[in-house]
Amino acid sequence: MSQRRFCFLLVVLFTSSYCKSENNFKSLYDLKKDYNFGVLINNDEFQIYRSERLGKEGVEEVFSSLKELGFKVPKTIIYMNYMNYSFFLDHAVEEYEIQNDFDFKFYHSYDKNMRTYLDGRNPIHPKKDIDDLENLDFWARPSQNAIEQFEIKPDGKLDGGVDAFYRILAIALNPENQPVLFHCHGGIHRTGMIALAIRYLQGGSWTKAFKVPYYYDDDLLITNKAKQEYILFNPKKPRVENFQFIDSVSRSPEFKKLSKTYQSRLNK
């Protein structure tokens, strides 16, 4: 099956899960197209969304569309990437600065109490110290605005490991933080791993092994519905390391304990 046809079928499946009218279909489709937006969980206890970078304009559009569709707007936004993806973009700082105007709490990579930077390949083997500004690539180095606002100083520690992964899940799964929206830059790798984690916590049909697994892009083995959904949001740049991470971490005692706590609640 071609990538284009495969992704079209997934879009139809995804949107039909959450849409009850033609107008809703168009609105959610537009959000998916413009902001790689998706609804993971929407029940009485949890409302969990995903997207790519938003900035002020994106927050305005997503919040407005969610209200029109009858969804609750985020009370919490989690950002998991570098604070500045390139020298002319500062979306994360924009979201930080408007959080009071839109009445949400913004967690970010340089948060003093709850850092949410996540390694984009495999958090079991983190590679970056995001406080070591001199050794960050130019597109990853925070803007001077961010450096001053968050008082960024070298600390000699690698960031984005498994501890950060569980920290992000703790924020996303706290009922007091609902509704929650999490994102990175493109909404594909870091966001993809957290979305995979939530699907693996749900278990059931999301993680039931396909009778006939298949390869996507020659080297990426699709074994269940959760990994299919990963491709829906990341058809062009999937990373086998993201799958390796979820396959490994989902077998850990800590993750299994989380699943026992949240599985039935997420699946309501």
C-alpha atoms as a PDB file:
ATOM      1  CA  MET A   1       0.000   0.000   0.000  1.00  0.00           C
ATOM      2  CA  SER A   2       1.369   3.459  -0.885  1.00  0.00           C
ATOM      3  CA  GLN A   3       2.181   5.931   1.895  1.00  0.00           C
ATOM      4  CA  ARG A   4      -0.323   8.441   0.483  1.00  0.00           C
ATOM      5  CA  ARG A   5      -3.234   5.979   0.370  1.00  0.00           C
ATOM      6  CA  PHE A   6      -2.318   4.517   3.769  1.00  0.00           C
ATOM      7  CA  CYS A   7      -2.298   7.940   5.436  1.00  0.00           C
ATOM      8  CA  PHE A   8      -5.569   8.952   3.750  1.00  0.00           C
ATOM      9  CA  LEU A   9      -7.265   5.860   5.176  1.00  0.00           C
ATOM     10  CA  LEU A  10      -5.881   6.632   8.632  1.00  0.00           C
ATOM     11  CA  VAL A  11      -7.169  10.208   8.462  1.00  0.00           C
ATOM     12  CA  VAL A  12     -10.648   8.905   7.651  1.00  0.00           C
ATOM     13  CA  LEU A  13     -10.500   6.433  10.538  1.00  0.00           C
ATOM     14  CA  PHE A  14      -9.174   9.061  12.948  1.00  0.00           C
ATOM     15  CA  THR A  15     -11.671  11.776  12.145  1.00  0.00           C
ATOM     16  CA  SER A  16     -14.647   9.434  12.101  1.00  0.00           C
ATOM     17  CA  SER A  17     -13.832   8.429  15.686  1.00  0.00           C
ATOM     18  CA  TYR A  18     -14.507  11.930  16.986  1.00  0.00           C
ATOM     19  CA  CYS A  19     -16.864  13.591  14.518  1.00  0.00           C
ATOM     20  CA  LYS A  20     -20.634  13.431  14.537  1.00  0.00           C
ATOM     21  CA  SER A  21     -21.406  15.912  11.774  1.00  0.00           C
ATOM     22  CA  GLU A  22     -19.990  17.118   8.487  1.00  0.00           C
ATOM     23  CA  ASN A  23     -19.069  20.477  10.034  1.00  0.00           C
ATOM     24  CA  ASN A  24     -17.132  18.795  12.828  1.00  0.00           C
ATOM     25  CA  PHE A  25     -15.322  16.619  10.299  1.00  0.00           C
ATOM     26  CA  LYS A  26     -14.147  19.663   8.377  1.00  0.00           C
ATOM     27  CA  SER A  27     -13.065  21.538  11.500  1.00  0.00           C
ATOM     28  CA  LEU A  28     -11.071  18.669  12.997  1.00  0.00           C
ATOM     29  CA  TYR A  29      -9.576  17.912   9.609  1.00  0.00           C
ATOM     30  CA  ASP A  30      -8.432  21.523   9.333  1.00  0.00           C
ATOM     31  CA  LEU A  31      -6.869  21.384  12.803  1.00  0.00           C
ATOM     32  CA  LYS A  32      -5.072  18.177  11.857  1.00  0.00           C
ATOM     33  CA  LYS A  33      -3.837  19.735   8.625  1.00  0.00           C
ATOM     34  CA  ASP A  34      -2.784  23.077  10.117  1.00  0.00           C
ATOM     35  CA  TYR A  35      -1.462  22.033  13.538  1.00  0.00           C
ATOM     36  CA  ASN A  36      -1.099  18.236  13.416  1.00  0.00           C
ATOM     37  CA  PHE A  37      -3.829  18.268  16.059  1.00  0.00           C
ATOM     38  CA  GLY A  38      -5.494  15.189  17.481  1.00  0.00           C
ATOM     39  CA  VAL A  39      -7.834  14.125  20.268  1.00  0.00           C
ATOM     40  CA  LEU A  40      -6.453  11.158  22.197  1.00  0.00           C
ATOM     41  CA  ILE A  41      -8.853  10.931  25.125  1.00  0.00           C
ATOM     42  CA  ASN A  42     -12.181  12.669  25.667  1.00  0.00           C
ATOM     43  CA  ASN A  43     -14.197  11.347  28.599  1.00  0.00           C
ATOM     44  CA  ASP A  44     -15.549  12.716  31.868  1.00  0.00           C
ATOM     45  CA  GLU A  45     -12.191  12.474  33.661  1.00  0.00           C
ATOM     46  CA  PHE A  46      -9.588  13.029  30.940  1.00  0.00           C
ATOM     47  CA  GLN A  47      -9.422  15.288  27.893  1.00  0.00           C
ATOM     48  CA  ILE A  48      -6.020  14.861  26.284  1.00  0.00           C
ATOM     49  CA  TYR A  49      -4.982  16.506  23.007  1.00  0.00           C
ATOM     50  CA  ARG A  50      -1.823  16.590  20.898  1.00  0.00           C
ATOM     51  CA  SER A  51      -0.466  19.044  18.329  1.00  0.00           C
ATOM     52  CA  GLU A  52       2.631  20.626  16.847  1.00  0.00           C
ATOM     53  CA  ARG A  53       4.026  24.041  17.866  1.00  0.00           C
ATOM     54  CA  LEU A  54       1.325  26.650  18.284  1.00  0.00           C
ATOM     55  CA  GLY A  55       2.533  30.062  19.399  1.00  0.00           C
ATOM     56  CA  LYS A  56       0.000  32.808  20.027  1.00  0.00           C
ATOM     57  CA  GLU A  57      -1.780  32.433  16.685  1.00  0.00           C
ATOM     58  CA  GLY A  58      -2.046  28.665  17.022  1.00  0.00           C
ATOM     59  CA  VAL A  59      -3.390  28.839  20.565  1.00  0.00           C
ATOM     60  CA  GLU A  60      -6.044  31.305  19.433  1.00  0.00           C
ATOM     61  CA  GLU A  61      -7.126  29.121  16.497  1.00  0.00           C
ATOM     62  CA  VAL A  62      -7.098  25.812  18.365  1.00  0.00           C
ATOM     63  CA  PHE A  63      -8.944  27.194  21.389  1.00  0.00           C
ATOM     64  CA  SER A  64     -11.549  28.868  19.180  1.00  0.00           C
ATOM     65  CA  SER A  65     -12.120  25.726  17.099  1.00  0.00           C
ATOM     66  CA  LEU A  66     -12.400  23.487  20.151  1.00  0.00           C
ATOM     67  CA  LYS A  67     -15.037  25.769  21.648  1.00  0.00           C
ATOM     68  CA  GLU A  68     -17.023  25.720  18.401  1.00  0.00           C
ATOM     69  CA  LEU A  69     -16.825  21.918  18.308  1.00  0.00           C
ATOM     70  CA  GLY A  70     -17.984  21.566  21.892  1.00  0.00           C
ATOM     71  CA  PHE A  71     -14.653  20.369  23.296  1.00  0.00           C
ATOM     72  CA  LYS A  72     -13.115  21.811  26.443  1.00  0.00           C
ATOM     73  CA  VAL A  73     -10.088  24.054  25.878  1.00  0.00           C
ATOM     74  CA  PRO A  74      -6.736  23.106  27.431  1.00  0.00           C
ATOM     75  CA  LYS A  75      -6.108  24.038  31.034  1.00  0.00           C
ATOM     76  CA  THR A  76      -2.545  22.720  30.709  1.00  0.00           C
ATOM     77  CA  ILE A  77      -0.077  22.838  27.811  1.00  0.00           C
ATOM     78  CA  ILE A  78       3.111  20.752  27.882  1.00  0.00           C
ATOM     79  CA  TYR A  79       6.004  21.664  25.573  1.00  0.00           C
ATOM     80  CA  MET A  80       8.759  19.058  25.157  1.00  0.00           C
ATOM     81  CA  ASN A  81      11.320  20.409  22.686  1.00  0.00           C
ATOM     82  CA  TYR A  82      14.041  23.050  22.612  1.00  0.00           C
ATOM     83  CA  MET A  83      12.852  26.536  23.434  1.00  0.00           C
ATOM     84  CA  ASN A  84      13.876  27.869  20.031  1.00  0.00           C
ATOM     85  CA  TYR A  85      13.811  25.573  17.021  1.00  0.00           C
ATOM     86  CA  SER A  86      15.453  28.179  14.794  1.00  0.00           C
ATOM     87  CA  PHE A  87      16.689  31.702  15.204  1.00  0.00           C
ATOM     88  CA  PHE A  88      13.521  33.327  13.834  1.00  0.00           C
ATOM     89  CA  LEU A  89      10.960  31.155  15.657  1.00  0.00           C
ATOM     90  CA  ASP A  90       9.972  31.603  19.281  1.00  0.00           C
ATOM     91  CA  HIS A  91       6.661  29.777  19.542  1.00  0.00           C
ATOM     92  CA  ALA A  92       7.313  28.301  22.967  1.00  0.00           C
ATOM     93  CA  VAL A  93       8.122  31.654  24.531  1.00  0.00           C
ATOM     94  CA  GLU A  94       4.939  33.084  22.979  1.00  0.00           C
ATOM     95  CA  GLU A  95       2.896  30.331  24.613  1.00  0.00           C
ATOM     96  CA  TYR A  96       4.650  30.945  27.912  1.00  0.00           C
ATOM     97  CA  GLU A  97       3.875  34.659  27.737  1.00  0.00           C
ATOM     98  CA  ILE A  98       0.158  34.278  26.917  1.00  0.00           C
ATOM     99  CA  GLN A  99      -0.707  31.547  29.422  1.00  0.00           C
ATOM    100  CA  ASN A 100      -2.413  33.965  31.816  1.00  0.00           C
ATOM    101  CA  ASP A 101      -4.391  35.582  28.990  1.00  0.00           C
ATOM    102  CA  PHE A 102      -5.788  32.197  27.932  1.00  0.00           C
ATOM    103  CA  ASP A 103      -5.986  30.735  31.430  1.00  0.00           C
ATOM    104  CA  PHE A 104      -3.691  27.724  31.015  1.00  0.00           C
ATOM    105  CA  LYS A 105      -0.552  26.483  32.777  1.00  0.00           C
ATOM    106  CA  PHE A 106       2.459  26.128  30.473  1.00  0.00           C
ATOM    107  CA  TYR A 107       5.089  23.506  31.289  1.00  0.00           C
ATOM    108  CA  HIS A 108       8.283  23.710  29.253  1.00  0.00           C
ATOM    109  CA  SER A 109      11.827  22.451  28.844  1.00  0.00           C
ATOM    110  CA  TYR A 110      13.330  24.997  31.245  1.00  0.00           C
ATOM    111  CA  ASP A 111      10.585  24.945  33.873  1.00  0.00           C
ATOM    112  CA  LYS A 112      12.286  25.321  37.256  1.00  0.00           C
ATOM    113  CA  ASN A 113      10.164  22.658  38.962  1.00  0.00           C
ATOM    114  CA  MET A 114       8.822  20.359  36.223  1.00  0.00           C
ATOM    115  CA  ARG A 115      11.165  20.249  33.226  1.00  0.00           C
ATOM    116  CA  THR A 116       9.491  18.656  30.224  1.00  0.00           C
ATOM    117  CA  TYR A 117      12.253  18.415  27.601  1.00  0.00           C
ATOM    118  CA  LEU A 118      12.242  14.919  26.081  1.00  0.00           C
ATOM    119  CA  ASP A 119      14.911  13.309  23.926  1.00  0.00           C
ATOM    120  CA  GLY A 120      13.494  13.031  20.421  1.00  0.00           C
ATOM    121  CA  ARG A 121      14.888   9.603  19.597  1.00  0.00           C
ATOM    122  CA  ASN A 122      15.098   7.287  22.594  1.00  0.00           C
ATOM    123  CA  PRO A 123      14.850   8.773  26.114  1.00  0.00           C
ATOM    124  CA  ILE A 124      16.533   5.668  27.508  1.00  0.00           C
ATOM    125  CA  HIS A 125      19.706   7.084  25.975  1.00  0.00           C
ATOM    126  CA  PRO A 126      19.443  10.906  26.208  1.00  0.00           C
ATOM    127  CA  LYS A 127      22.088  12.855  24.304  1.00  0.00           C
ATOM    128  CA  LYS A 128      21.716  16.551  25.137  1.00  0.00           C
ATOM    129  CA  ASP A 129      22.403  18.913  28.000  1.00  0.00           C
ATOM    130  CA  ILE A 130      20.047  21.696  26.942  1.00  0.00           C
ATOM    131  CA  ASP A 131      21.635  24.076  29.461  1.00  0.00           C
ATOM    132  CA  ASP A 132      24.998  23.806  27.702  1.00  0.00           C
ATOM    133  CA  LEU A 133      24.161  26.634  25.332  1.00  0.00           C
ATOM    134  CA  GLU A 134      27.585  26.787  23.703  1.00  0.00           C
ATOM    135  CA  ASN A 135      27.259  23.231  22.401  1.00  0.00           C
ATOM    136  CA  LEU A 136      23.658  23.426  21.174  1.00  0.00           C
ATOM    137  CA  ASP A 137      23.090  23.779  17.437  1.00  0.00           C
ATOM    138  CA  PHE A 138      21.974  27.257  16.375  1.00  0.00           C
ATOM    139  CA  TRP A 139      18.383  26.092  15.779  1.00  0.00           C
ATOM    140  CA  ALA A 140      18.190  24.565  19.263  1.00  0.00           C
ATOM    141  CA  ARG A 141      19.717  27.418  21.236  1.00  0.00           C
ATOM    142  CA  PRO A 142      17.119  29.424  23.179  1.00  0.00           C
ATOM    143  CA  SER A 143      16.572  33.024  22.196  1.00  0.00           C
ATOM    144  CA  GLN A 144      18.032  35.706  24.422  1.00  0.00           C
ATOM    145  CA  ASN A 145      14.481  36.365  25.569  1.00  0.00           C
ATOM    146  CA  ALA A 146      14.158  32.764  26.782  1.00  0.00           C
ATOM    147  CA  ILE A 147      17.620  32.744  28.375  1.00  0.00           C
ATOM    148  CA  GLU A 148      16.735  35.790  30.432  1.00  0.00           C
ATOM    149  CA  GLN A 149      13.177  34.723  31.317  1.00  0.00           C
ATOM    150  CA  PHE A 150      14.122  31.221  32.446  1.00  0.00           C
ATOM    151  CA  GLU A 151      17.579  32.058  33.865  1.00  0.00           C
ATOM    152  CA  ILE A 152      19.227  29.288  31.861  1.00  0.00           C
ATOM    153  CA  LYS A 153      22.635  28.249  33.219  1.00  0.00           C
ATOM    154  CA  PRO A 154      24.831  25.178  32.576  1.00  0.00           C
ATOM    155  CA  ASP A 155      24.263  22.351  35.074  1.00  0.00           C
ATOM    156  CA  GLY A 156      26.311  19.512  33.572  1.00  0.00           C
ATOM    157  CA  LYS A 157      23.370  17.092  33.340  1.00  0.00           C
ATOM    158  CA  LEU A 158      21.845  15.298  30.366  1.00  0.00           C
ATOM    159  CA  ASP A 159      18.191  16.154  29.791  1.00  0.00           C
ATOM    160  CA  GLY A 160      15.206  14.354  28.328  1.00  0.00           C
ATOM    161  CA  GLY A 161      15.636  10.893  29.815  1.00  0.00           C
ATOM    162  CA  VAL A 162      13.176   8.381  31.237  1.00  0.00           C
ATOM    163  CA  ASP A 163      12.678  10.553  34.324  1.00  0.00           C
ATOM    164  CA  ALA A 164      11.404  13.335  32.051  1.00  0.00           C
ATOM    165  CA  PHE A 165       9.148  10.850  30.250  1.00  0.00           C
ATOM    166  CA  TYR A 166       7.418   9.866  33.487  1.00  0.00           C
ATOM    167  CA  ARG A 167       7.293  13.489  34.603  1.00  0.00           C
ATOM    168  CA  ILE A 168       5.401  14.397  31.428  1.00  0.00           C
ATOM    169  CA  LEU A 169       2.993  11.502  31.906  1.00  0.00           C
ATOM    170  CA  ALA A 170       2.407  12.558  35.514  1.00  0.00           C
ATOM    171  CA  ILE A 171       1.373  16.021  34.335  1.00  0.00           C
ATOM    172  CA  ALA A 172      -0.762  14.708  31.478  1.00  0.00           C
ATOM    173  CA  LEU A 173      -2.560  12.142  33.639  1.00  0.00           C
ATOM    174  CA  ASN A 174      -3.287  14.382  36.606  1.00  0.00           C
ATOM    175  CA  PRO A 175      -7.079  14.908  36.671  1.00  0.00           C
ATOM    176  CA  GLU A 176      -6.555  18.384  38.129  1.00  0.00           C
ATOM    177  CA  ASN A 177      -4.653  19.419  34.984  1.00  0.00           C
ATOM    178  CA  GLN A 178      -7.399  18.467  32.519  1.00  0.00           C
ATOM    179  CA  PRO A 179      -7.852  19.264  29.714  1.00  0.00           C
ATOM    180  CA  VAL A 180      -4.221  18.765  28.657  1.00  0.00           C
ATOM    181  CA  LEU A 181      -2.510  19.475  25.337  1.00  0.00           C
ATOM    182  CA  PHE A 182       1.057  18.282  24.751  1.00  0.00           C
ATOM    183  CA  HIS A 183       3.331  19.089  21.830  1.00  0.00           C
ATOM    184  CA  CYS A 184       6.879  19.524  20.617  1.00  0.00           C
ATOM    185  CA  HIS A 185       7.916  21.325  17.418  1.00  0.00           C
ATOM    186  CA  GLY A 186       6.373  19.266  14.625  1.00  0.00           C
ATOM    187  CA  GLY A 187       4.178  17.077  16.803  1.00  0.00           C
ATOM    188  CA  ILE A 188       5.820  13.950  15.422  1.00  0.00           C
ATOM    189  CA  HIS A 189       8.673  12.476  17.491  1.00  0.00           C
ATOM    190  CA  ARG A 190       8.470  13.590  21.128  1.00  0.00           C
ATOM    191  CA  THR A 191       4.726  14.074  20.823  1.00  0.00           C
ATOM    192  CA  GLY A 192       4.518  10.730  19.046  1.00  0.00           C
ATOM    193  CA  MET A 193       6.224   8.892  21.895  1.00  0.00           C
ATOM    194  CA  ILE A 194       3.935  10.380  24.555  1.00  0.00           C
ATOM    195  CA  ALA A 195       0.901   9.553  22.418  1.00  0.00           C
ATOM    196  CA  LEU A 196       2.195   6.000  22.015  1.00  0.00           C
ATOM    197  CA  ALA A 197       2.643   5.783  25.779  1.00  0.00           C
ATOM    198  CA  ILE A 198      -0.952   6.830  26.407  1.00  0.00           C
ATOM    199  CA  ARG A 199      -2.211   4.274  23.898  1.00  0.00           C
ATOM    200  CA  TYR A 200      -0.073   1.589  25.543  1.00  0.00           C
ATOM    201  CA  LEU A 201      -1.513   2.566  28.923  1.00  0.00           C
ATOM    202  CA  GLN A 202      -4.963   2.073  27.406  1.00  0.00           C
ATOM    203  CA  GLY A 203      -3.974  -1.310  26.028  1.00  0.00           C
ATOM    204  CA  GLY A 204      -6.783  -3.358  24.520  1.00  0.00           C
ATOM    205  CA  SER A 205      -7.268  -2.888  20.793  1.00  0.00           C
ATOM    206  CA  TRP A 206      -4.530  -0.247  20.686  1.00  0.00           C
ATOM    207  CA  THR A 207      -1.786  -2.723  21.554  1.00  0.00           C
ATOM    208  CA  LYS A 208      -3.283  -5.987  20.310  1.00  0.00           C
ATOM    209  CA  ALA A 209      -0.762  -7.476  17.917  1.00  0.00           C
ATOM    210  CA  PHE A 210      -1.735  -7.598  14.260  1.00  0.00           C
ATOM    211  CA  LYS A 211      -2.013 -11.081  12.820  1.00  0.00           C
ATOM    212  CA  VAL A 212       0.048  -9.846   9.904  1.00  0.00           C
ATOM    213  CA  PRO A 213       2.492  -7.057  10.902  1.00  0.00           C
ATOM    214  CA  TYR A 214       3.853  -5.022   8.006  1.00  0.00           C
ATOM    215  CA  TYR A 215       6.732  -2.693   7.248  1.00  0.00           C
ATOM    216  CA  TYR A 216       6.367   1.027   6.632  1.00  0.00           C
ATOM    217  CA  ASP A 217       9.261   2.739   4.839  1.00  0.00           C
ATOM    218  CA  ASP A 218      11.043  -0.623   4.629  1.00  0.00           C
ATOM    219  CA  ASP A 219      12.495  -0.628   8.165  1.00  0.00           C
ATOM    220  CA  LEU A 220       9.612   0.371  10.471  1.00  0.00           C
ATOM    221  CA  LEU A 221       7.559  -2.629  11.595  1.00  0.00           C
ATOM    222  CA  ILE A 222       3.914  -1.765  12.317  1.00  0.00           C
ATOM    223  CA  THR A 223       2.639  -4.301  14.823  1.00  0.00           C
ATOM    224  CA  ASN A 224      -0.463  -2.675  16.319  1.00  0.00           C
ATOM    225  CA  LYS A 225      -3.011   0.121  16.051  1.00  0.00           C
ATOM    226  CA  ALA A 226      -1.016   2.471  18.317  1.00  0.00           C
ATOM    227  CA  LYS A 227       1.921   2.395  15.910  1.00  0.00           C
ATOM    228  CA  GLN A 228      -0.440   2.917  12.980  1.00  0.00           C
ATOM    229  CA  GLU A 229      -1.638   6.099  14.664  1.00  0.00           C
ATOM    230  CA  TYR A 230       1.974   7.236  15.099  1.00  0.00           C
ATOM    231  CA  ILE A 231       2.349   7.051  11.309  1.00  0.00           C
ATOM    232  CA  LEU A 232      -0.864   9.036  10.809  1.00  0.00           C
ATOM    233  CA  PHE A 233       0.744  12.002  12.553  1.00  0.00           C
ATOM    234  CA  ASN A 234       4.259  11.340  11.251  1.00  0.00           C
ATOM    235  CA  PRO A 235       4.143   9.831   7.744  1.00  0.00           C
ATOM    236  CA  LYS A 236       7.340  11.445   6.435  1.00  0.00           C
ATOM    237  CA  LYS A 237       9.929  11.228   9.241  1.00  0.00           C
ATOM    238  CA  PRO A 238       9.166   8.216  11.452  1.00  0.00           C
ATOM    239  CA  ARG A 239      11.967   7.052  13.723  1.00  0.00           C
ATOM    240  CA  VAL A 240      12.544   3.425  14.557  1.00  0.00           C
ATOM    241  CA  GLU A 241      14.106   4.626  17.845  1.00  0.00           C
ATOM    242  CA  ASN A 242      10.704   5.942  18.945  1.00  0.00           C
ATOM    243  CA  PHE A 243       9.254   2.446  18.539  1.00  0.00           C
ATOM    244  CA  GLN A 244      12.246   0.897  20.279  1.00  0.00           C
ATOM    245  CA  PHE A 245      11.653   3.199  23.223  1.00  0.00           C
ATOM    246  CA  ILE A 246       7.967   2.397  23.689  1.00  0.00           C
ATOM    247  CA  ASP A 247       8.587  -1.329  23.194  1.00  0.00           C
ATOM    248  CA  SER A 248      11.185  -1.214  25.965  1.00  0.00           C
ATOM    249  CA  VAL A 249       9.620   1.180  28.469  1.00  0.00           C
ATOM    250  CA  SER A 250       6.171  -0.424  28.235  1.00  0.00           C
ATOM    251  CA  ARG A 251       7.647  -3.629  29.662  1.00  0.00           C
ATOM    252  CA  SER A 252       9.022  -1.896  32.757  1.00  0.00           C
ATOM    253  CA  PRO A 253       7.398  -2.414  36.189  1.00  0.00           C
ATOM    254  CA  GLU A 254       6.784   1.322  36.567  1.00  0.00           C
ATOM    255  CA  PHE A 255       4.892   1.529  33.280  1.00  0.00           C
ATOM    256  CA  LYS A 256       2.853  -1.588  34.042  1.00  0.00           C
ATOM    257  CA  LYS A 257       1.907  -0.066  37.395  1.00  0.00           C
ATOM    258  CA  LEU A 258       0.712   3.081  35.615  1.00  0.00           C
ATOM    259  CA  SER A 259      -1.333   0.978  33.225  1.00  0.00           C
ATOM    260  CA  LYS A 260      -3.121  -0.754  36.095  1.00  0.00           C
ATOM    261  CA  THR A 261      -3.928   2.641  37.602  1.00  0.00           C
ATOM    262  CA  TYR A 262      -5.137   4.376  34.445  1.00  0.00           C
ATOM    263  CA  GLN A 263      -6.235   1.787  31.883  1.00  0.00           C
ATOM    264  CA  SER A 264      -9.908   1.594  32.787  1.00  0.00           C
ATOM    265  CA  ARG A 265     -10.096   5.334  33.464  1.00  0.00           C
ATOM    266  CA  LEU A 266      -8.617   6.255  30.084  1.00  0.00           C
ATOM    267  CA  ASN A 267     -10.924   3.836  28.295  1.00  0.00           C
ATOM    268  CA  LYS A 268     -14.207   5.114  29.719  1.00  0.00           C
END
